[in-house]
């Protein structure tokens, strides 16, 4: 059995972000013999903590397996407390792969068990339920859970949980555009952390306060705060999330057009992520670096950083799809079915019913697999094809064009000033703009054309058997349709417009070369004033204005 001091040691390692060391200690516990109910309780705890470490290390499928194992052992040992904790971890894992319905089911089951047992961690469950509501874009409902978590923390004199949930209240207010309330909540959270030894989360909360100050356009205050956070992180040396600290300062400097200052901080943030290609901050950091290099005039490096941003975003999306596929299989208790099937064979009765049940499950799993395969080709927000599907479609169209000597045109289009829309109205409204733009374009292109979300606010259209002149006319129509659209929910304060780069396939041109040429054309459309259509030929003949 793991001693109390050993458990405390592992808990402290996890709290300080040293998940690899904690994992090594947990493996030693799991490798020891397990013969009685006390050892089973320890095993359930160790598997649960293993799941937490793996989750923090972005190993989501293995985290789900470990949490399922913890739940299985807890149920075998009839240990309701460990069962409640394992359900909580499973809920968090499912939420991370956007399976919110299943996540909420696990967490609500955990909440009911903890409420019955009157466990001190009940406030943490409420906080986790609020987190999932935030991820599901429901900040109003999230706020209710966070407030209940604060109440529970105060009743139990849990200052750390009160600080955590109060900071989350700030995030919920910020999501609703209530920036002054958000700032007050973040300040209160920092004050509460001052009474604990949790330096890591206190620093994290200061960065969140900086984010709220940015949203409120209090940029000088935000920059001062970010620099304080950088100094704290470098002084302590062992705090987690350095990429968040460096990245926030770098992003702000890019936003105020101080690219030369921003680039070193953003590069440090990328370096701090290390070799993990599944860190979800990487696409944003790479995209910020692209903007910084573009501001500094280094367009080649800007393009390379944007390419890496898209590549990492694709990897993360693909990993989530694969994790959801694994979880969909795991939900079916195939072991139970096989046991029932064997029992029917022994009794020589109802064999056909057992086989039919297995066949039905197999068909259900195959259908689910097909649904997930389709999901992997679609952008979940706009319903358009994603970048991976776009690239495969472009390769196929280039081969067909070369075989039959047809025309092939391709356009890249990018919303102008989209960050300003997000900052002014919030990301929920920004997402609505992206959906509406996709609908406007889809209504005007042919069934044979391919529309894809290339990344962020950028889309791409493949137009088979279309000469450049016709493609340019279509892009002009789309540009006018977007500017003339009634954006009633934007109140006219931030007009919506789009820049287009369009080109025709050249002789012996590869897909990569074609995309690169049209992407450079789009950059020129942006540089030459935005809200315009520029052809690759025009861009090449007038390379600098």
Protein backbone atom coordinates (compact mmCIF):
# COMPACT_ATOMS: atom_id res chain seq x y z
CA UNK A 1 0.00 0.00 0.00
CA UNK A 2 1.18 3.52 -0.77
CA UNK A 3 1.90 5.43 2.43
CA UNK A 4 0.22 8.75 3.16
CA UNK A 5 3.57 10.51 2.73
CA UNK A 6 4.08 8.82 -0.66
CA UNK A 7 0.62 9.95 -1.77
CA UNK A 8 1.32 13.49 -0.62
CA UNK A 9 4.62 13.42 -2.52
CA UNK A 10 2.84 12.38 -5.74
CA UNK A 11 0.04 14.91 -5.23
CA UNK A 12 2.64 17.66 -4.79
CA UNK A 13 4.48 16.58 -7.95
CA UNK A 14 1.22 16.78 -9.93
CA UNK A 15 0.29 20.14 -8.40
CA UNK A 16 3.67 21.61 -9.37
CA UNK A 17 3.38 20.31 -12.95
CA UNK A 18 6.05 17.56 -12.63
CA UNK A 19 3.82 14.96 -14.27
CA UNK A 20 6.65 12.77 -15.63
CA UNK A 21 8.13 12.31 -12.15
CA UNK A 22 4.68 11.67 -10.68
CA UNK A 23 4.01 9.08 -13.39
CA UNK A 24 7.24 7.24 -12.60
CA UNK A 25 6.27 7.02 -8.90
CA UNK A 26 2.78 5.79 -9.81
CA UNK A 27 4.21 3.04 -12.04
CA UNK A 28 6.19 1.73 -9.05
CA UNK A 29 2.96 1.51 -7.03
CA UNK A 30 1.06 -0.21 -9.86
CA UNK A 31 3.88 -2.75 -10.31
CA UNK A 32 3.60 -3.87 -6.66
CA UNK A 33 1.39 -6.89 -5.69
CA UNK A 34 -2.34 -6.30 -5.10
CA UNK A 35 -4.07 -8.95 -2.96
CA UNK A 36 -6.66 -7.30 -0.69
CA UNK A 37 -9.32 -4.56 -0.63
CA UNK A 38 -6.86 -2.01 0.75
CA UNK A 39 -4.50 -2.67 -2.15
CA UNK A 40 -7.42 -2.41 -4.59
CA UNK A 41 -8.26 1.04 -3.17
CA UNK A 42 -4.63 2.06 -3.69
CA UNK A 43 -4.66 0.67 -7.23
CA UNK A 44 -7.81 2.62 -8.09
CA UNK A 45 -6.24 5.81 -6.70
CA UNK A 46 -2.98 5.18 -8.62
CA UNK A 47 -4.75 4.56 -11.94
CA UNK A 48 -6.81 7.72 -11.40
CA UNK A 49 -3.70 9.80 -10.74
CA UNK A 50 -2.02 8.16 -13.73
CA UNK A 51 -4.96 9.35 -15.85
CA UNK A 52 -4.51 12.91 -14.52
CA UNK A 53 -0.79 12.90 -15.39
CA UNK A 54 -1.37 11.50 -18.89
CA UNK A 55 -4.12 14.05 -19.51
CA UNK A 56 -1.78 16.89 -18.52
CA UNK A 57 0.80 15.44 -20.94
CA UNK A 58 -1.81 15.44 -23.78
CA UNK A 59 -1.96 11.62 -23.89
CA UNK A 60 -5.77 11.62 -24.00
CA UNK A 61 -6.47 8.08 -25.20
CA UNK A 62 -4.16 6.55 -22.54
CA UNK A 63 -5.68 8.89 -19.95
CA UNK A 64 -9.14 7.56 -20.83
CA UNK A 65 -7.91 3.96 -20.52
CA UNK A 66 -6.36 4.65 -17.09
CA UNK A 67 -9.52 6.38 -15.84
CA UNK A 68 -11.68 3.49 -17.07
CA UNK A 69 -9.36 1.07 -15.25
CA UNK A 70 -9.66 3.13 -12.05
CA UNK A 71 -13.46 3.03 -12.33
CA UNK A 72 -13.46 -0.74 -12.95
CA UNK A 73 -11.31 -1.42 -9.86
CA UNK A 74 -13.38 0.95 -7.69
CA UNK A 75 -16.60 -0.80 -8.71
CA UNK A 76 -15.09 -4.23 -8.05
CA UNK A 77 -13.99 -3.07 -4.60
CA UNK A 78 -17.38 -1.35 -4.03
CA UNK A 79 -15.50 1.87 -3.17
CA UNK A 80 -17.92 4.74 -3.85
CA UNK A 81 -15.37 7.46 -3.06
CA UNK A 82 -12.85 6.23 -5.64
CA UNK A 83 -15.71 5.59 -8.07
CA UNK A 84 -16.77 9.23 -7.74
CA UNK A 85 -13.24 10.49 -8.37
CA UNK A 86 -12.75 8.19 -11.40
CA UNK A 87 -16.04 9.41 -12.91
CA UNK A 88 -14.79 12.97 -12.50
CA UNK A 89 -11.56 12.26 -14.43
CA UNK A 90 -13.49 10.45 -17.19
CA UNK A 91 -15.74 13.50 -17.53
CA UNK A 92 -12.74 15.78 -17.97
CA UNK A 93 -11.18 13.52 -20.63
CA UNK A 94 -14.42 13.34 -22.62
CA UNK A 95 -14.88 17.09 -22.42
CA UNK A 96 -11.44 17.63 -23.91
CA UNK A 97 -12.39 15.73 -27.05
CA UNK A 98 -15.63 17.78 -27.27
CA UNK A 99 -17.87 14.86 -26.21
CA UNK A 100 -19.76 17.18 -23.88
CA UNK A 101 -22.91 15.09 -23.41
CA UNK A 102 -20.94 12.08 -22.15
CA UNK A 103 -18.67 14.32 -20.07
CA UNK A 104 -21.60 15.96 -18.29
CA UNK A 105 -23.15 12.53 -17.63
CA UNK A 106 -19.96 11.31 -15.93
CA UNK A 107 -19.57 14.49 -13.88
CA UNK A 108 -23.19 14.59 -12.74
CA UNK A 109 -22.90 10.95 -11.63
CA UNK A 110 -19.74 11.90 -9.74
CA UNK A 111 -21.52 14.89 -8.18
CA UNK A 112 -24.40 12.74 -6.91
CA UNK A 113 -22.01 10.23 -5.32
CA UNK A 114 -19.91 12.96 -3.71
CA UNK A 115 -23.02 14.72 -2.42
CA UNK A 116 -24.25 11.49 -0.82
CA UNK A 117 -20.85 10.87 0.76
CA UNK A 118 -20.42 14.56 1.70
CA UNK A 119 -16.90 14.54 0.23
CA UNK A 120 -14.77 17.70 0.48
CA UNK A 121 -14.10 17.63 -3.30
CA UNK A 122 -17.74 18.34 -4.22
CA UNK A 123 -16.83 21.96 -5.00
CA UNK A 124 -14.20 20.76 -7.49
CA UNK A 125 -16.89 18.78 -9.35
CA UNK A 126 -19.06 21.89 -9.60
CA UNK A 127 -16.06 23.79 -10.94
CA UNK A 128 -15.43 21.06 -13.54
CA UNK A 129 -19.07 21.15 -14.65
CA UNK A 130 -18.66 24.89 -15.12
CA UNK A 131 -15.52 24.30 -17.20
CA UNK A 132 -17.41 21.98 -19.54
CA UNK A 133 -20.23 24.48 -19.94
CA UNK A 134 -17.58 27.05 -20.88
CA UNK A 135 -16.10 24.70 -23.46
CA UNK A 136 -19.61 24.10 -24.83
CA UNK A 137 -20.04 27.89 -25.28
CA UNK A 138 -22.56 28.35 -22.47
CA UNK A 139 -20.92 30.93 -20.16
CA UNK A 140 -24.21 31.85 -18.43
CA UNK A 141 -24.75 28.26 -17.22
CA UNK A 142 -21.04 27.92 -16.45
CA UNK A 143 -21.24 30.99 -14.19
CA UNK A 144 -23.90 29.30 -12.04
CA UNK A 145 -21.67 26.27 -11.45
CA UNK A 146 -18.61 28.42 -10.68
CA UNK A 147 -20.59 30.46 -8.12
CA UNK A 148 -21.80 27.26 -6.43
CA UNK A 149 -18.19 26.00 -6.40
CA UNK A 150 -17.08 29.20 -4.61
CA UNK A 151 -19.88 28.75 -2.03
CA UNK A 152 -18.82 25.14 -1.39
CA UNK A 153 -15.15 26.17 -1.10
CA UNK A 154 -15.97 28.89 1.45
CA UNK A 155 -18.09 26.50 3.52
CA UNK A 156 -15.10 24.13 3.72
CA UNK A 157 -12.50 26.90 4.06
CA UNK A 158 -10.81 25.70 0.84
CA UNK A 159 -9.04 28.89 -0.21
CA UNK A 160 -7.32 27.33 -3.23
CA UNK A 161 -10.58 26.07 -4.77
CA UNK A 162 -12.25 29.40 -4.02
CA UNK A 163 -9.42 31.15 -5.88
CA UNK A 164 -9.67 28.75 -8.84
CA UNK A 165 -13.46 29.03 -9.17
CA UNK A 166 -13.37 32.82 -8.72
CA UNK A 167 -10.89 33.09 -11.58
CA UNK A 168 -13.24 30.98 -13.69
CA UNK A 169 -16.06 33.39 -12.84
CA UNK A 170 -13.85 36.06 -14.40
CA UNK A 171 -13.49 33.98 -17.56
CA UNK A 172 -17.27 33.49 -17.76
CA UNK A 173 -17.88 37.23 -17.38
CA UNK A 174 -15.26 37.95 -20.05
CA UNK A 175 -16.96 35.50 -22.42
CA UNK A 176 -20.18 37.48 -21.95
CA UNK A 177 -18.44 40.79 -22.63
CA UNK A 178 -18.75 41.96 -18.98
CA UNK A 179 -15.15 43.08 -18.78
CA UNK A 180 -15.18 45.16 -15.59
CA UNK A 181 -16.85 42.30 -13.69
CA UNK A 182 -14.25 39.95 -15.18
CA UNK A 183 -11.35 42.13 -14.06
CA UNK A 184 -12.75 42.37 -10.51
CA UNK A 185 -13.14 38.58 -10.34
CA UNK A 186 -9.56 37.96 -11.52
CA UNK A 187 -8.23 40.45 -8.97
CA UNK A 188 -10.17 38.69 -6.20
CA UNK A 189 -8.85 35.32 -7.37
CA UNK A 190 -5.24 36.60 -7.16
CA UNK A 191 -5.94 37.92 -3.66
CA UNK A 192 -7.22 34.48 -2.62
CA UNK A 193 -4.16 32.75 -4.12
CA UNK A 194 -1.95 35.08 -2.06
CA UNK A 195 -3.09 33.11 0.98
CA UNK A 196 -1.94 29.78 -0.47
CA UNK A 197 1.36 28.28 -1.60
CA UNK A 198 0.02 27.63 -5.11
CA UNK A 199 2.42 29.85 -7.06
CA UNK A 200 1.70 28.14 -10.38
CA UNK A 201 -2.03 28.86 -10.46
CA UNK A 202 -1.52 32.34 -9.05
CA UNK A 203 0.74 33.14 -12.00
CA UNK A 204 -1.80 31.58 -14.38
CA UNK A 205 -4.49 33.83 -12.90
CA UNK A 206 -2.35 36.94 -13.38
CA UNK A 207 -2.04 36.07 -17.06
CA UNK A 208 -5.85 35.68 -17.26
CA UNK A 209 -6.19 39.13 -15.68
CA UNK A 210 -3.88 40.43 -18.40
CA UNK A 211 -6.13 38.85 -21.04
CA UNK A 212 -9.16 40.63 -19.55
CA UNK A 213 -7.29 43.95 -19.47
CA UNK A 214 -6.42 43.44 -23.16
CA UNK A 215 -10.08 42.81 -23.99
CA UNK A 216 -10.93 46.05 -22.17
CA UNK A 217 -8.31 47.85 -24.32
CA UNK A 218 -6.19 48.64 -21.25
CA UNK A 219 -3.11 47.60 -23.15
CA UNK A 220 -0.42 49.39 -21.13
CA UNK A 221 -1.68 47.78 -17.91
CA UNK A 222 -1.82 44.39 -19.60
CA UNK A 223 1.76 44.71 -20.88
CA UNK A 224 3.06 45.71 -17.43
CA UNK A 225 1.28 42.71 -15.91
CA UNK A 226 2.64 40.28 -18.53
CA UNK A 227 6.17 41.54 -17.91
CA UNK A 228 5.66 41.00 -14.16
CA UNK A 229 4.54 37.43 -14.93
CA UNK A 230 7.62 36.84 -17.11
CA UNK A 231 9.87 38.07 -14.29
CA UNK A 232 8.11 35.79 -11.78
CA UNK A 233 8.32 32.76 -14.09
CA UNK A 234 12.03 33.29 -14.72
CA UNK A 235 12.74 33.89 -11.04
CA UNK A 236 11.02 30.68 -9.94
CA UNK A 237 12.36 28.66 -12.86
CA UNK A 238 10.17 25.58 -12.30
CA UNK A 239 6.68 26.96 -12.89
CA UNK A 240 4.50 25.22 -15.50
CA UNK A 241 2.96 26.85 -18.61
CA UNK A 242 5.90 29.14 -19.54
CA UNK A 243 4.56 29.17 -23.12
CA UNK A 244 1.37 30.84 -21.86
CA UNK A 245 3.34 33.58 -20.08
CA UNK A 246 5.76 34.32 -22.95
CA UNK A 247 3.05 33.85 -25.58
CA UNK A 248 0.65 36.36 -23.99
CA UNK A 249 3.32 39.07 -23.96
CA UNK A 250 4.37 38.26 -27.52
CA UNK A 251 0.78 38.30 -28.82
CA UNK A 252 0.10 41.70 -27.22
CA UNK A 253 3.26 43.17 -28.79
CA UNK A 254 2.16 41.88 -32.20
CA UNK A 255 -1.28 43.42 -31.72
CA UNK A 256 0.31 46.84 -31.11
CA UNK A 257 2.64 46.44 -34.13
CA UNK A 258 5.88 45.96 -32.18
CA UNK A 259 6.96 42.91 -34.13
CA UNK A 260 10.70 43.15 -33.41
CA UNK A 261 9.98 42.98 -29.66
CA UNK A 262 7.33 40.28 -30.06
CA UNK A 263 9.35 37.75 -32.07
CA UNK A 264 11.86 36.74 -29.30
CA UNK A 265 9.04 36.19 -26.78
CA UNK A 266 6.97 34.14 -29.22
CA UNK A 267 10.00 32.04 -30.15
CA UNK A 268 10.68 31.41 -26.45
CA UNK A 269 7.05 30.35 -26.06
CA UNK A 270 7.35 27.88 -28.94
CA UNK A 271 10.63 26.59 -27.51
CA UNK A 272 8.99 26.15 -24.08
CA UNK A 273 6.37 23.86 -25.62
CA UNK A 274 9.21 21.53 -26.59
CA UNK A 275 8.82 18.58 -28.91
CA UNK A 276 5.16 17.89 -28.13
CA UNK A 277 3.25 18.37 -31.43
CA UNK A 278 -0.11 18.00 -29.67
CA UNK A 279 0.14 21.04 -27.37
CA UNK A 280 -3.00 23.03 -28.20
CA UNK A 281 -1.23 26.38 -27.79
CA UNK A 282 1.15 25.64 -30.67
CA UNK A 283 -1.14 26.65 -33.59
CA UNK A 284 -1.95 30.01 -31.98
CA UNK A 285 1.72 30.66 -31.12
CA UNK A 286 2.85 29.81 -34.66
CA UNK A 287 0.09 31.98 -36.13
CA UNK A 288 1.18 34.92 -33.94
CA UNK A 289 4.76 34.40 -35.08
CA UNK A 290 3.54 34.48 -38.68
CA UNK A 291 1.85 37.84 -38.07
CA UNK A 292 4.98 39.19 -36.39
CA UNK A 293 7.21 38.15 -39.31
CA UNK A 294 4.70 39.60 -41.76
CA UNK A 295 4.80 42.94 -39.89
CA UNK A 296 8.61 42.88 -40.00
CA UNK A 297 8.57 42.27 -43.76
CA UNK A 298 9.86 38.68 -43.66
CA UNK A 299 7.08 37.14 -45.77
CA UNK A 300 8.88 33.85 -46.41
CA UNK A 301 9.23 33.17 -42.68
CA UNK A 302 5.63 34.38 -42.15
CA UNK A 303 4.38 31.81 -44.66
CA UNK A 304 6.43 29.03 -43.07
CA UNK A 305 5.12 29.81 -39.57
CA UNK A 306 1.52 29.89 -40.87
CA UNK A 307 2.09 26.55 -42.61
CA UNK A 308 3.34 25.08 -39.31
CA UNK A 309 0.33 26.54 -37.50
CA UNK A 310 -2.04 24.77 -39.90
CA UNK A 311 -0.02 21.53 -39.67
CA UNK A 312 -0.15 21.46 -35.87
CA UNK A 313 -3.85 22.37 -35.85
CA UNK A 314 -4.54 19.44 -38.20
CA UNK A 315 -2.57 17.03 -35.97
CA UNK A 316 -4.47 18.14 -32.87
CA UNK A 317 -7.84 17.84 -34.65
CA UNK A 318 -6.95 14.38 -36.00
CA UNK A 319 -5.83 13.25 -32.53
CA UNK A 320 -9.15 14.33 -31.03
CA UNK A 321 -11.06 12.43 -33.70
CA UNK A 322 -9.04 9.27 -33.02
CA UNK A 323 -9.57 9.66 -29.26
CA UNK A 324 -13.32 9.97 -29.76
CA UNK A 325 -13.29 6.87 -31.95
CA UNK A 326 -11.56 4.90 -29.20
CA UNK A 327 -14.01 6.17 -26.61
CA UNK A 328 -17.00 5.24 -28.78
CA UNK A 329 -15.74 1.64 -28.86
CA UNK A 330 -14.97 1.67 -25.14
CA UNK A 331 -18.56 2.60 -24.25
CA UNK A 332 -19.78 -0.82 -25.39
CA UNK A 333 -19.15 -3.47 -22.79
CA UNK A 334 -17.92 -6.11 -25.23
CA UNK A 335 -16.68 -8.26 -22.37
CA UNK A 336 -20.21 -8.46 -20.97
CA UNK A 337 -21.59 -9.43 -24.38
CA UNK A 338 -19.02 -12.21 -24.80
CA UNK A 339 -19.83 -13.56 -21.34
CA UNK A 340 -23.55 -13.63 -22.14
CA UNK A 341 -22.83 -15.25 -25.49
CA UNK A 342 -20.77 -18.01 -23.81
CA UNK A 343 -23.52 -18.60 -21.24
CA UNK A 344 -26.09 -19.02 -23.97
CA UNK A 345 -23.87 -21.56 -25.68
CA UNK A 346 -23.53 -23.56 -22.46
CA UNK A 347 -27.26 -23.58 -21.93
CA UNK A 348 -27.89 -24.27 -25.64
CA UNK A 349 -30.67 -21.68 -25.56
CA UNK A 350 -31.26 -18.30 -27.16
CA UNK A 351 -28.04 -18.56 -29.15
CA UNK A 352 -29.54 -16.69 -32.07
CA UNK A 353 -30.50 -13.79 -29.79
CA UNK A 354 -26.92 -13.49 -28.51
CA UNK A 355 -25.47 -13.57 -32.03
CA UNK A 356 -28.00 -11.00 -33.20
CA UNK A 357 -27.02 -8.70 -30.34
CA UNK A 358 -23.35 -8.96 -31.30
CA UNK A 359 -24.19 -8.30 -34.97
CA UNK A 360 -26.26 -5.24 -34.02
CA UNK A 361 -23.39 -3.88 -31.96
CA UNK A 362 -20.95 -4.52 -34.81
CA UNK A 363 -23.21 -2.65 -37.23
CA UNK A 364 -23.57 0.21 -34.75
CA UNK A 365 -19.81 0.47 -34.32
CA UNK A 366 -19.25 0.40 -38.10
CA UNK A 367 -21.83 3.17 -38.53
CA UNK A 368 -20.15 5.22 -35.81
CA UNK A 369 -16.78 4.67 -37.48
CA UNK A 370 -18.19 5.94 -40.79
CA UNK A 371 -19.66 9.00 -39.06
CA UNK A 372 -16.31 9.81 -37.46
CA UNK A 373 -14.52 9.35 -40.80
CA UNK A 374 -16.88 11.91 -42.36
CA UNK A 375 -16.38 14.21 -39.37
CA UNK A 376 -12.62 14.06 -39.94
CA UNK A 377 -13.08 15.74 -43.36
CA UNK A 378 -15.34 18.56 -42.17
CA UNK A 379 -14.72 21.79 -40.29
CA UNK A 380 -16.95 21.43 -37.20
CA UNK A 381 -17.90 25.13 -37.10
CA UNK A 382 -18.78 26.02 -40.71
CA UNK A 383 -19.59 22.59 -42.15
CA UNK A 384 -17.21 23.20 -45.05
CA UNK A 385 -14.40 20.77 -45.90
CA UNK A 386 -11.27 21.06 -43.77
CA UNK A 387 -7.74 21.76 -44.96
CA UNK A 388 -6.79 18.07 -45.21
CA UNK A 389 -9.74 17.29 -47.51
CA UNK A 390 -9.05 20.44 -49.54
CA UNK A 391 -5.44 19.41 -50.24
CA UNK A 392 -6.45 15.91 -51.37
CA UNK A 393 -9.20 17.38 -53.59
CA UNK A 394 -6.75 19.84 -55.15
CA UNK A 395 -4.26 17.05 -55.94
CA UNK A 396 -7.05 15.05 -57.63
CA UNK A 397 -8.27 18.06 -59.67
CA UNK A 398 -4.72 18.87 -60.82
CA UNK A 399 -4.28 15.29 -62.07
CA UNK A 400 -7.64 15.42 -63.89
CA UNK A 401 -6.82 18.85 -65.38
CA UNK A 402 -3.45 17.65 -66.68
CA UNK A 403 -5.03 14.49 -68.12
CA UNK A 404 -7.82 16.26 -70.07
CA UNK A 405 -6.20 19.70 -70.64
CA UNK A 406 -9.02 21.56 -68.88
CA UNK A 407 -8.81 24.88 -67.02
CA UNK A 408 -8.44 24.87 -63.24
CA UNK A 409 -8.65 27.95 -61.02
CA UNK A 410 -8.22 28.25 -57.30
CA UNK A 411 -8.92 31.14 -54.88
CA UNK A 412 -7.93 31.88 -51.31
CA UNK A 413 -10.07 34.34 -49.36
CA UNK A 414 -9.46 35.86 -45.96
CA UNK A 415 -11.72 38.00 -43.74
CA UNK A 416 -10.31 41.50 -43.21
CA UNK A 417 -9.80 42.67 -39.63
CA UNK A 418 -11.32 39.52 -38.15
CA UNK A 419 -9.36 39.87 -34.91
CA UNK A 420 -10.96 43.29 -34.39
CA UNK A 421 -14.40 41.70 -34.80
CA UNK A 422 -13.51 39.02 -32.23
CA UNK A 423 -12.09 41.60 -29.81
CA UNK A 424 -15.04 43.98 -30.21
CA UNK A 425 -17.95 41.50 -30.17
CA UNK A 426 -16.45 38.34 -28.67
CA UNK A 427 -15.60 34.94 -30.15
CA UNK A 428 -19.22 33.74 -30.23
CA UNK A 429 -20.16 36.52 -32.65
CA UNK A 430 -16.89 35.97 -34.53
CA UNK A 431 -17.84 32.31 -35.03
CA UNK A 432 -21.27 33.40 -36.30
CA UNK A 433 -19.60 35.66 -38.88
CA UNK A 434 -17.49 32.73 -40.12
CA UNK A 435 -20.59 30.53 -40.45
CA UNK A 436 -22.50 33.23 -42.34
CA UNK A 437 -19.56 33.86 -44.70
CA UNK A 438 -19.37 30.13 -45.46
CA UNK A 439 -23.12 30.10 -46.22
CA UNK A 440 -22.86 33.15 -48.50
CA UNK A 441 -20.08 31.49 -50.51
CA UNK A 442 -21.71 28.04 -50.66
CA UNK A 443 -24.94 29.52 -52.07
CA UNK A 444 -23.03 31.07 -54.99
CA UNK A 445 -20.56 28.41 -56.08
CA UNK A 446 -21.30 25.36 -58.24
CA UNK A 447 -21.86 21.83 -56.96
CA UNK A 448 -18.61 20.83 -58.70
CA UNK A 449 -16.59 23.48 -56.81
CA UNK A 450 -14.94 22.68 -53.47
CA UNK A 451 -15.10 25.10 -50.54
CA UNK A 452 -12.85 24.50 -47.52
CA UNK A 453 -11.91 26.34 -44.36
CA UNK A 454 -8.15 26.58 -44.80
CA UNK A 455 -7.55 27.81 -41.27
CA UNK A 456 -8.73 30.54 -38.88
CA UNK A 457 -10.65 33.10 -40.96
CA UNK A 458 -9.20 31.88 -44.28
CA UNK A 459 -11.14 29.85 -46.88
CA UNK A 460 -10.23 28.27 -50.22
CA UNK A 461 -12.28 27.47 -53.37
CA UNK A 462 -11.28 24.96 -56.05
CA UNK A 463 -13.00 25.72 -59.39
CA UNK A 464 -12.58 22.89 -61.95
CA UNK A 465 -12.95 23.65 -65.68
CA UNK A 466 -12.93 27.39 -64.93
CA UNK A 467 -10.63 29.88 -66.67
CA UNK A 468 -9.04 32.66 -64.63
CA UNK A 469 -11.38 35.34 -66.05
CA UNK A 470 -14.52 33.49 -64.88
CA UNK A 471 -12.96 32.72 -61.50
CA UNK A 472 -12.13 36.41 -61.02
CA UNK A 473 -15.73 37.40 -61.86
CA UNK A 474 -17.03 34.89 -59.28
CA UNK A 475 -14.66 36.24 -56.63
CA UNK A 476 -15.84 39.80 -57.29
CA UNK A 477 -19.45 38.63 -56.89
CA UNK A 478 -18.57 36.95 -53.61
CA UNK A 479 -16.72 40.03 -52.40
CA UNK A 480 -19.77 42.24 -53.07
CA UNK A 481 -22.15 39.68 -51.56
CA UNK A 482 -20.17 39.74 -48.30
CA UNK A 483 -19.86 43.54 -48.07
CA UNK A 484 -23.55 44.00 -49.07
CA UNK A 485 -24.84 41.36 -46.65
CA UNK A 486 -27.00 42.68 -43.78
CA UNK A 487 -24.85 42.03 -40.72
CA UNK A 488 -27.60 43.17 -38.38
CA UNK A 489 -26.04 41.57 -35.28
CA UNK A 490 -22.85 43.63 -35.78
CA UNK A 491 -24.68 46.97 -35.52
CA UNK A 492 -22.65 48.31 -38.43
CA UNK A 493 -19.77 49.24 -36.14
CA UNK A 494 -17.34 46.75 -37.64
CA UNK A 495 -17.96 46.27 -41.40
CA UNK A 496 -17.24 42.83 -42.83
CA UNK A 497 -15.10 42.55 -45.95
CA UNK A 498 -12.90 39.96 -47.58
CA UNK A 499 -9.69 39.88 -49.59
CA UNK A 500 -9.22 37.41 -52.45
CA UNK A 501 -6.19 35.92 -54.20
CA UNK A 502 -7.02 33.91 -57.33
CA UNK A 503 -4.91 32.07 -59.90
CA UNK A 504 -5.05 29.50 -62.69
CA UNK A 505 -2.98 26.30 -62.71
CA UNK A 506 0.33 26.73 -64.53
CA UNK A 507 2.11 24.21 -66.72
CA UNK A 508 3.64 21.34 -64.69
CA UNK A 509 2.77 23.21 -61.48
CA UNK A 510 2.44 21.06 -58.34
CA UNK A 511 -0.31 21.49 -55.76
CA UNK A 512 2.22 22.89 -53.27
CA UNK A 513 3.51 25.44 -55.80
CA UNK A 514 -0.05 26.38 -56.83
CA UNK A 515 -1.13 26.98 -53.23
CA UNK A 516 2.05 28.92 -52.46
CA UNK A 517 1.56 31.21 -55.48
CA UNK A 518 -2.10 31.97 -54.71
CA UNK A 519 -1.31 32.42 -51.00
CA UNK A 520 1.29 35.07 -51.90
CA UNK A 521 -1.36 36.72 -54.08
CA UNK A 522 -3.72 36.85 -51.10
CA UNK A 523 -0.94 38.45 -49.03
CA UNK A 524 -0.62 41.14 -51.69
CA UNK A 525 -4.39 41.72 -51.66
CA UNK A 526 -4.04 42.38 -47.94
CA UNK A 527 -1.01 44.61 -48.38
CA UNK A 528 -2.62 46.66 -51.18
CA UNK A 529 -5.60 47.80 -49.12
CA UNK A 530 -7.78 44.73 -48.43
CA UNK A 531 -11.40 44.21 -49.64
CA UNK A 532 -10.23 43.43 -53.17
CA UNK A 533 -9.66 40.62 -55.66
CA UNK A 534 -6.07 40.21 -56.92
CA UNK A 535 -5.03 37.68 -59.56
CA UNK A 536 -1.75 35.80 -59.37
CA UNK A 537 -0.76 37.27 -62.72
CA UNK A 538 -1.44 40.81 -61.50
CA UNK A 539 0.39 40.06 -58.26
CA UNK A 540 3.42 38.75 -60.16
CA UNK A 541 3.60 41.69 -62.58
CA UNK A 542 3.18 44.22 -59.75
CA UNK A 543 5.12 42.55 -57.00
CA UNK A 544 5.60 45.73 -55.01
CA UNK A 545 3.33 48.76 -54.78
